[in-house]
PDB file of N, CA and C in Angstrom:
ATOM      1  N   UNK A   1     108.579  82.047  82.957  1.00  0.00           N
ATOM      2  CA  UNK A   1     108.254  83.025  83.975  1.00  0.00           C
ATOM      3  C   UNK A   1     107.567  82.299  85.135  1.00  0.00           C
ATOM      4  N   UNK A   2     107.972  82.610  86.357  1.00  0.00           N
ATOM      5  CA  UNK A   2     107.356  81.930  87.496  1.00  0.00           C
ATOM      6  C   UNK A   2     105.991  82.530  87.817  1.00  0.00           C
ATOM      7  N   UNK A   3     105.231  81.837  88.645  1.00  0.00           N
ATOM      8  CA  UNK A   3     103.848  82.241  88.891  1.00  0.00           C
ATOM      9  C   UNK A   3     103.755  83.532  89.693  1.00  0.00           C
ATOM     10  N   UNK A   4     104.697  83.795  90.609  1.00  0.00           N
ATOM     11  CA  UNK A   4     104.652  85.037  91.383  1.00  0.00           C
ATOM     12  C   UNK A   4     104.892  86.248  90.493  1.00  0.00           C
ATOM     13  N   UNK A   5     105.804  86.110  89.555  1.00  0.00           N
ATOM     14  CA  UNK A   5     106.070  87.220  88.649  1.00  0.00           C
ATOM     15  C   UNK A   5     104.873  87.450  87.731  1.00  0.00           C
ATOM     16  N   UNK A   6     104.252  86.388  87.247  1.00  0.00           N
ATOM     17  CA  UNK A   6     103.062  86.516  86.398  1.00  0.00           C
ATOM     18  C   UNK A   6     101.920  87.166  87.160  1.00  0.00           C
ATOM     19  N   UNK A   7     101.719  86.751  88.414  1.00  0.00           N
ATOM     20  CA  UNK A   7     100.674  87.346  89.238  1.00  0.00           C
ATOM     21  C   UNK A   7     100.959  88.820  89.490  1.00  0.00           C
ATOM     22  N   UNK A   8     102.213  89.158  89.729  1.00  0.00           N
ATOM     23  CA  UNK A   8     102.591  90.553  89.962  1.00  0.00           C
ATOM     24  C   UNK A   8     102.299  91.412  88.742  1.00  0.00           C
ATOM     25  N   UNK A   9     102.631  90.917  87.572  1.00  0.00           N
ATOM     26  CA  UNK A   9     102.374  91.666  86.341  1.00  0.00           C
ATOM     27  C   UNK A   9     100.880  91.829  86.119  1.00  0.00           C
ATOM     28  N   UNK A  10     100.107  90.782  86.356  1.00  0.00           N
ATOM     29  CA  UNK A  10      98.656  90.855  86.205  1.00  0.00           C
ATOM     30  C   UNK A  10      98.052  91.874  87.166  1.00  0.00           C
ATOM     31  N   UNK A  11      98.470  91.843  88.431  1.00  0.00           N
ATOM     32  CA  UNK A  11      97.960  92.799  89.409  1.00  0.00           C
ATOM     33  C   UNK A  11      98.364  94.226  89.062  1.00  0.00           C
ATOM     34  N   UNK A  12      99.552  94.410  88.536  1.00  0.00           N
ATOM     35  CA  UNK A  12     100.005  95.727  88.115  1.00  0.00           C
ATOM     36  C   UNK A  12      99.142  96.266  86.982  1.00  0.00           C
ATOM     37  N   UNK A  13      98.824  95.427  86.020  1.00  0.00           N
ATOM     38  CA  UNK A  13      97.973  95.838  84.896  1.00  0.00           C
ATOM     39  C   UNK A  13      96.569  96.182  85.384  1.00  0.00           C
ATOM     40  N   UNK A  14      96.019  95.361  86.267  1.00  0.00           N
ATOM     41  CA  UNK A  14      94.680  95.629  86.800  1.00  0.00           C
ATOM     42  C   UNK A  14      94.667  96.932  87.598  1.00  0.00           C
ATOM     43  N   UNK A  15      95.675  97.151  88.430  1.00  0.00           N
ATOM     44  CA  UNK A  15      95.728  98.357  89.255  1.00  0.00           C
ATOM     45  C   UNK A  15      95.866  99.618  88.413  1.00  0.00           C
ATOM     46  N   UNK A  16      96.739  99.597  87.415  1.00  0.00           N
ATOM     47  CA  UNK A  16      96.908 100.792  86.592  1.00  0.00           C
ATOM     48  C   UNK A  16      95.675 101.067  85.743  1.00  0.00           C
ATOM     49  N   UNK A  17      95.009 100.024  85.292  1.00  0.00           N
ATOM     50  CA  UNK A  17      93.769 100.220  84.546  1.00  0.00           C
ATOM     51  C   UNK A  17      92.697 100.811  85.449  1.00  0.00           C
ATOM     52  N   UNK A  18      92.586 100.301  86.664  1.00  0.00           N
ATOM     53  CA  UNK A  18      91.604 100.831  87.605  1.00  0.00           C
ATOM     54  C   UNK A  18      91.873 102.274  87.981  1.00  0.00           C
ATOM     55  N   UNK A  19      93.128 102.610  88.221  1.00  0.00           N
ATOM     56  CA  UNK A  19      93.475 103.978  88.591  1.00  0.00           C
ATOM     57  C   UNK A  19      93.270 104.934  87.424  1.00  0.00           C
ATOM     58  N   UNK A  20      93.494 104.477  86.211  1.00  0.00           N
ATOM     59  CA  UNK A  20      93.344 105.371  85.062  1.00  0.00           C
ATOM     60  C   UNK A  20      91.896 105.795  84.849  1.00  0.00           C
ATOM     61  N   UNK A  21      90.948 104.998  85.337  1.00  0.00           N
ATOM     62  CA  UNK A  21      89.543 105.383  85.235  1.00  0.00           C
ATOM     63  C   UNK A  21      89.078 106.205  86.435  1.00  0.00           C
ATOM     64  N   UNK A  22      89.957 106.476  87.388  1.00  0.00           N
ATOM     65  CA  UNK A  22      89.587 107.212  88.594  1.00  0.00           C
ATOM     66  C   UNK A  22      89.021 108.587  88.315  1.00  0.00           C
ATOM     67  N   UNK A  23      89.662 109.338  87.445  1.00  0.00           N
ATOM     68  CA  UNK A  23      89.173 110.675  87.118  1.00  0.00           C
ATOM     69  C   UNK A  23      87.813 110.647  86.456  1.00  0.00           C
ATOM     70  N   UNK A  24      87.620 109.718  85.546  1.00  0.00           N
ATOM     71  CA  UNK A  24      86.335 109.591  84.855  1.00  0.00           C
ATOM     72  C   UNK A  24      85.217 109.235  85.822  1.00  0.00           C
ATOM     73  N   UNK A  25      85.486 108.326  86.721  1.00  0.00           N
ATOM     74  CA  UNK A  25      84.473 107.922  87.693  1.00  0.00           C
ATOM     75  C   UNK A  25      84.145 109.074  88.637  1.00  0.00           C
ATOM     76  N   UNK A  26      85.146 109.791  89.087  1.00  0.00           N
ATOM     77  CA  UNK A  26      84.921 110.897  90.016  1.00  0.00           C
ATOM     78  C   UNK A  26      84.165 112.032  89.333  1.00  0.00           C
ATOM     79  N   UNK A  27      84.429 112.265  88.059  1.00  0.00           N
ATOM     80  CA  UNK A  27      83.715 113.319  87.327  1.00  0.00           C
ATOM     81  C   UNK A  27      82.230 113.017  87.183  1.00  0.00           C
ATOM     82  N   UNK A  28      81.852 111.733  87.172  1.00  0.00           N
ATOM     83  CA  UNK A  28      80.445 111.376  87.013  1.00  0.00           C
ATOM     84  C   UNK A  28      79.656 111.486  88.313  1.00  0.00           C
ATOM     85  N   UNK A  29      80.335 111.672  89.440  1.00  0.00           N
ATOM     86  CA  UNK A  29      79.639 111.836  90.720  1.00  0.00           C
ATOM     87  C   UNK A  29      79.232 113.300  90.839  1.00  0.00           C
ATOM     88  N   UNK A  30      77.945 113.560  90.692  1.00  0.00           N
ATOM     89  CA  UNK A  30      77.460 114.942  90.710  1.00  0.00           C
ATOM     90  C   UNK A  30      76.937 115.368  92.069  1.00  0.00           C
ATOM     91  N   UNK A  31      76.555 114.428  92.903  1.00  0.00           N
ATOM     92  CA  UNK A  31      75.896 114.788  94.153  1.00  0.00           C
ATOM     93  C   UNK A  31      76.860 115.000  95.313  1.00  0.00           C
ATOM     94  N   UNK A  32      78.084 114.550  95.209  1.00  0.00           N
ATOM     95  CA  UNK A  32      79.042 114.667  96.310  1.00  0.00           C
ATOM     96  C   UNK A  32      80.070 115.745  96.001  1.00  0.00           C
ATOM     97  N   UNK A  33      80.461 116.474  97.043  1.00  0.00           N
ATOM     98  CA  UNK A  33      81.528 117.453  96.839  1.00  0.00           C
ATOM     99  C   UNK A  33      82.887 116.752  96.956  1.00  0.00           C
ATOM    100  N   UNK A  34      83.943 117.509  96.744  1.00  0.00           N
ATOM    101  CA  UNK A  34      85.288 116.922  96.682  1.00  0.00           C
ATOM    102  C   UNK A  34      85.697 116.277  98.004  1.00  0.00           C
ATOM    103  N   UNK A  35      85.309 116.862  99.122  1.00  0.00           N
ATOM    104  CA  UNK A  35      85.694 116.308 100.411  1.00  0.00           C
ATOM    105  C   UNK A  35      84.994 114.984 100.694  1.00  0.00           C
ATOM    106  N   UNK A  36      83.740 114.859 100.260  1.00  0.00           N
ATOM    107  CA  UNK A  36      83.043 113.583 100.430  1.00  0.00           C
ATOM    108  C   UNK A  36      83.700 112.491  99.593  1.00  0.00           C
ATOM    109  N   UNK A  37      84.054 112.821  98.380  1.00  0.00           N
ATOM    110  CA  UNK A  37      84.707 111.840  97.508  1.00  0.00           C
ATOM    111  C   UNK A  37      86.054 111.433  98.098  1.00  0.00           C
ATOM    112  N   UNK A  38      86.824 112.411  98.584  1.00  0.00           N
ATOM    113  CA  UNK A  38      88.127 112.100  99.184  1.00  0.00           C
ATOM    114  C   UNK A  38      87.961 111.228 100.425  1.00  0.00           C
ATOM    115  N   UNK A  39      86.928 111.511 101.226  1.00  0.00           N
ATOM    116  CA  UNK A  39      86.690 110.714 102.429  1.00  0.00           C
ATOM    117  C   UNK A  39      86.366 109.269 102.083  1.00  0.00           C
ATOM    118  N   UNK A  40      85.414 109.065 101.186  1.00  0.00           N
ATOM    119  CA  UNK A  40      85.011 107.697 100.856  1.00  0.00           C
ATOM    120  C   UNK A  40      86.093 106.949 100.078  1.00  0.00           C
ATOM    121  N   UNK A  41      86.851 107.664  99.301  1.00  0.00           N
ATOM    122  CA  UNK A  41      87.964 107.020  98.608  1.00  0.00           C
ATOM    123  C   UNK A  41      89.027 106.574  99.611  1.00  0.00           C
ATOM    124  N   UNK A  42      89.338 107.439 100.569  1.00  0.00           N
ATOM    125  CA  UNK A  42      90.291 107.077 101.616  1.00  0.00           C
ATOM    126  C   UNK A  42      89.786 105.946 102.493  1.00  0.00           C
ATOM    127  N   UNK A  43      88.491 105.968 102.806  1.00  0.00           N
ATOM    128  CA  UNK A  43      87.898 104.905 103.605  1.00  0.00           C
ATOM    129  C   UNK A  43      87.982 103.560 102.882  1.00  0.00           C
ATOM    130  N   UNK A  44      87.700 103.576 101.596  1.00  0.00           N
ATOM    131  CA  UNK A  44      87.818 102.350 100.809  1.00  0.00           C
ATOM    132  C   UNK A  44      89.248 101.836 100.774  1.00  0.00           C
ATOM    133  N   UNK A  45      90.203 102.761 100.673  1.00  0.00           N
ATOM    134  CA  UNK A  45      91.612 102.372 100.672  1.00  0.00           C
ATOM    135  C   UNK A  45      92.003 101.739 102.002  1.00  0.00           C
ATOM    136  N   UNK A  46      91.589 102.354 103.101  1.00  0.00           N
ATOM    137  CA  UNK A  46      91.945 101.836 104.423  1.00  0.00           C
ATOM    138  C   UNK A  46      91.335 100.456 104.651  1.00  0.00           C
ATOM    139  N   UNK A  47      90.063 100.295 104.294  1.00  0.00           N
ATOM    140  CA  UNK A  47      89.402  99.002 104.490  1.00  0.00           C
ATOM    141  C   UNK A  47      90.076  97.914 103.656  1.00  0.00           C
ATOM    142  N   UNK A  48      90.346  98.214 102.394  1.00  0.00           N
ATOM    143  CA  UNK A  48      90.976  97.194 101.556  1.00  0.00           C
ATOM    144  C   UNK A  48      92.404  96.905 102.013  1.00  0.00           C
ATOM    145  N   UNK A  49      93.123  97.916 102.477  1.00  0.00           N
ATOM    146  CA  UNK A  49      94.485  97.709 102.970  1.00  0.00           C
ATOM    147  C   UNK A  49      94.483  96.841 104.223  1.00  0.00           C
ATOM    148  N   UNK A  50      93.537  97.088 105.131  1.00  0.00           N
ATOM    149  CA  UNK A  50      93.442  96.279 106.343  1.00  0.00           C
ATOM    150  C   UNK A  50      93.087  94.835 106.000  1.00  0.00           C
ATOM    151  N   UNK A  51      92.171  94.645 105.052  1.00  0.00           N
ATOM    152  CA  UNK A  51      91.809  93.281 104.654  1.00  0.00           C
ATOM    153  C   UNK A  51      93.002  92.536 104.056  1.00  0.00           C
ATOM    154  N   UNK A  52      93.800  93.235 103.260  1.00  0.00           N
ATOM    155  CA  UNK A  52      94.996  92.612 102.687  1.00  0.00           C
ATOM    156  C   UNK A  52      95.993  92.251 103.786  1.00  0.00           C
ATOM    157  N   UNK A  53      96.179  93.152 104.753  1.00  0.00           N
ATOM    158  CA  UNK A  53      97.102  92.859 105.854  1.00  0.00           C
ATOM    159  C   UNK A  53      96.612  91.698 106.711  1.00  0.00           C
ATOM    160  N   UNK A  54      95.308  91.634 106.959  1.00  0.00           N
ATOM    161  CA  UNK A  54      94.765  90.514 107.728  1.00  0.00           C
ATOM    162  C   UNK A  54      94.971  89.207 106.970  1.00  0.00           C
ATOM    163  N   UNK A  55      94.735  89.226 105.671  1.00  0.00           N
ATOM    164  CA  UNK A  55      94.930  88.019 104.869  1.00  0.00           C
ATOM    165  C   UNK A  55      96.390  87.579 104.879  1.00  0.00           C
ATOM    166  N   UNK A  56      97.278  88.544 104.767  1.00  0.00           N
ATOM    167  CA  UNK A  56      98.695  88.199 104.646  1.00  0.00           C
ATOM    168  C   UNK A  56      99.348  87.852 105.984  1.00  0.00           C
ATOM    169  N   UNK A  57      99.051  88.640 107.028  1.00  0.00           N
ATOM    170  CA  UNK A  57      99.745  88.469 108.307  1.00  0.00           C
ATOM    171  C   UNK A  57      98.896  87.821 109.396  1.00  0.00           C
ATOM    172  N   UNK A  58      97.661  87.507 109.109  1.00  0.00           N
ATOM    173  CA  UNK A  58      96.739  86.857 110.054  1.00  0.00           C
ATOM    174  C   UNK A  58      96.674  87.636 111.370  1.00  0.00           C
ATOM    175  N   UNK A  59      97.100  87.035 112.458  1.00  0.00           N
ATOM    176  CA  UNK A  59      96.960  87.682 113.766  1.00  0.00           C
ATOM    177  C   UNK A  59      98.042  88.731 114.029  1.00  0.00           C
ATOM    178  N   UNK A  60      99.059  88.800 113.214  1.00  0.00           N
ATOM    179  CA  UNK A  60     100.143  89.770 113.411  1.00  0.00           C
ATOM    180  C   UNK A  60      99.971  91.033 112.577  1.00  0.00           C
ATOM    181  N   UNK A  61      98.758  91.307 112.095  1.00  0.00           N
ATOM    182  CA  UNK A  61      98.615  92.449 111.195  1.00  0.00           C
ATOM    183  C   UNK A  61      98.804  93.778 111.922  1.00  0.00           C
ATOM    184  N   UNK A  62      98.461  93.861 113.204  1.00  0.00           N
ATOM    185  CA  UNK A  62      98.681  95.109 113.946  1.00  0.00           C
ATOM    186  C   UNK A  62     100.180  95.340 114.118  1.00  0.00           C
ATOM    187  N   UNK A  63     100.916  94.280 114.376  1.00  0.00           N
ATOM    188  CA  UNK A  63     102.373  94.390 114.490  1.00  0.00           C
ATOM    189  C   UNK A  63     102.983  94.832 113.159  1.00  0.00           C
ATOM    190  N   UNK A  64     102.425  94.348 112.043  1.00  0.00           N
ATOM    191  CA  UNK A  64     102.957  94.750 110.737  1.00  0.00           C
ATOM    192  C   UNK A  64     102.704  96.231 110.470  1.00  0.00           C
ATOM    193  N   UNK A  65     101.593  96.759 110.977  1.00  0.00           N
ATOM    194  CA  UNK A  65     101.323  98.194 110.832  1.00  0.00           C
ATOM    195  C   UNK A  65     102.322  98.989 111.668  1.00  0.00           C
ATOM    196  N   UNK A  66     102.571  98.535 112.891  1.00  0.00           N
ATOM    197  CA  UNK A  66     103.528  99.225 113.766  1.00  0.00           C
ATOM    198  C   UNK A  66     104.940  99.170 113.201  1.00  0.00           C
ATOM    199  N   UNK A  67     105.271  98.103 112.493  1.00  0.00           N
ATOM    200  CA  UNK A  67     106.622  97.946 111.946  1.00  0.00           C
ATOM    201  C   UNK A  67     106.918  98.891 110.785  1.00  0.00           C
ATOM    202  N   UNK A  68     105.902  99.544 110.228  1.00  0.00           N
ATOM    203  CA  UNK A  68     106.180 100.497 109.152  1.00  0.00           C
ATOM    204  C   UNK A  68     106.956 101.692 109.673  1.00  0.00           C
ATOM    205  N   UNK A  69     106.743 102.035 110.931  1.00  0.00           N
ATOM    206  CA  UNK A  69     107.528 103.072 111.579  1.00  0.00           C
ATOM    207  C   UNK A  69     107.286 104.468 111.032  1.00  0.00           C
ATOM    208  N   UNK A  70     108.292 105.296 111.215  1.00  0.00           N
ATOM    209  CA  UNK A  70     108.231 106.710 110.856  1.00  0.00           C
ATOM    210  C   UNK A  70     108.030 106.903 109.355  1.00  0.00           C
ATOM    211  N   UNK A  71     108.763 106.164 108.552  1.00  0.00           N
ATOM    212  CA  UNK A  71     108.662 106.328 107.102  1.00  0.00           C
ATOM    213  C   UNK A  71     107.300 105.888 106.574  1.00  0.00           C
ATOM    214  N   UNK A  72     106.726 104.874 107.163  1.00  0.00           N
ATOM    215  CA  UNK A  72     105.384 104.457 106.778  1.00  0.00           C
ATOM    216  C   UNK A  72     104.355 105.515 107.122  1.00  0.00           C
ATOM    217  N   UNK A  73     104.513 106.140 108.289  1.00  0.00           N
ATOM    218  CA  UNK A  73     103.605 107.205 108.704  1.00  0.00           C
ATOM    219  C   UNK A  73     103.706 108.407 107.771  1.00  0.00           C
ATOM    220  N   UNK A  74     104.918 108.826 107.466  1.00  0.00           N
ATOM    221  CA  UNK A  74     105.127 109.959 106.556  1.00  0.00           C
ATOM    222  C   UNK A  74     104.598 109.623 105.164  1.00  0.00           C
ATOM    223  N   UNK A  75     104.822 108.399 104.704  1.00  0.00           N
ATOM    224  CA  UNK A  75     104.292 107.976 103.408  1.00  0.00           C
ATOM    225  C   UNK A  75     102.778 108.023 103.381  1.00  0.00           C
ATOM    226  N   UNK A  76     102.138 107.624 104.477  1.00  0.00           N
ATOM    227  CA  UNK A  76     100.682 107.694 104.573  1.00  0.00           C
ATOM    228  C   UNK A  76     100.173 109.123 104.528  1.00  0.00           C
ATOM    229  N   UNK A  77     100.866 110.030 105.188  1.00  0.00           N
ATOM    230  CA  UNK A  77     100.487 111.451 105.157  1.00  0.00           C
ATOM    231  C   UNK A  77     100.592 111.989 103.731  1.00  0.00           C
ATOM    232  N   UNK A  78     101.687 111.679 103.044  1.00  0.00           N
ATOM    233  CA  UNK A  78     101.842 112.144 101.664  1.00  0.00           C
ATOM    234  C   UNK A  78     100.799 111.534 100.735  1.00  0.00           C
ATOM    235  N   UNK A  79     100.450 110.279 100.964  1.00  0.00           N
ATOM    236  CA  UNK A  79      99.407 109.640 100.163  1.00  0.00           C
ATOM    237  C   UNK A  79      98.060 110.317 100.394  1.00  0.00           C
ATOM    238  N   UNK A  80      97.778 110.684 101.641  1.00  0.00           N
ATOM    239  CA  UNK A  80      96.541 111.384 101.958  1.00  0.00           C
ATOM    240  C   UNK A  80      96.496 112.749 101.263  1.00  0.00           C
ATOM    241  N   UNK A  81      97.582 113.480 101.323  1.00  0.00           N
ATOM    242  CA  UNK A  81      97.644 114.796 100.681  1.00  0.00           C
ATOM    243  C   UNK A  81      97.493 114.659  99.171  1.00  0.00           C
ATOM    244  N   UNK A  82      98.152 113.680  98.581  1.00  0.00           N
ATOM    245  CA  UNK A  82      98.039 113.462  97.135  1.00  0.00           C
ATOM    246  C   UNK A  82      96.613 113.113  96.745  1.00  0.00           C
ATOM    247  N   UNK A  83      95.923 112.323  97.561  1.00  0.00           N
ATOM    248  CA  UNK A  83      94.535 111.961  97.287  1.00  0.00           C
ATOM    249  C   UNK A  83      93.643 113.201  97.297  1.00  0.00           C
ATOM    250  N   UNK A  84      93.803 114.051  98.296  1.00  0.00           N
ATOM    251  CA  UNK A  84      92.988 115.268  98.379  1.00  0.00           C
ATOM    252  C   UNK A  84      93.280 116.186  97.204  1.00  0.00           C
ATOM    253  N   UNK A  85      94.538 116.375  96.858  1.00  0.00           N
ATOM    254  CA  UNK A  85      94.879 117.228  95.713  1.00  0.00           C
ATOM    255  C   UNK A  85      94.353 116.656  94.405  1.00  0.00           C
ATOM    256  N   UNK A  86      94.402 115.338  94.253  1.00  0.00           N
ATOM    257  CA  UNK A  86      93.885 114.707  93.040  1.00  0.00           C
ATOM    258  C   UNK A  86      92.394 114.963  92.898  1.00  0.00           C
ATOM    259  N   UNK A  87      91.650 114.778  93.974  1.00  0.00           N
ATOM    260  CA  UNK A  87      90.200 114.984  93.929  1.00  0.00           C
ATOM    261  C   UNK A  87      89.879 116.444  93.640  1.00  0.00           C
ATOM    262  N   UNK A  88      90.568 117.368  94.281  1.00  0.00           N
ATOM    263  CA  UNK A  88      90.291 118.791  94.068  1.00  0.00           C
ATOM    264  C   UNK A  88      90.736 119.274  92.691  1.00  0.00           C
ATOM    265  N   UNK A  89      91.678 118.585  92.081  1.00  0.00           N
ATOM    266  CA  UNK A  89      92.126 119.012  90.748  1.00  0.00           C
ATOM    267  C   UNK A  89      91.100 118.685  89.674  1.00  0.00           C
ATOM    268  N   UNK A  90      90.195 117.764  89.970  1.00  0.00           N
ATOM    269  CA  UNK A  90      89.176 117.404  88.989  1.00  0.00           C
ATOM    270  C   UNK A  90      88.022 118.349  89.119  1.00  0.00           C
TER     271      UNK A  90
END
């Protein structure tokens, strides 16, 4: 197995493990309402996504965001809606 495939499998396992604990972690937050949790979760996603794009594309990261186009924008809207529904379902 090549190193890129091994890294991909490792990252997939880490991501699914992290996401599976999302409900448990959100349930333990007693002081924040659902909208606060959705906001900070979305903010964390945006910051980490931007950092990954900067690392990968260096100075062309804004161009890479623009290149996602219409489908990237619609995908982002659906991801936002899914995040809000997930938080409110808990």
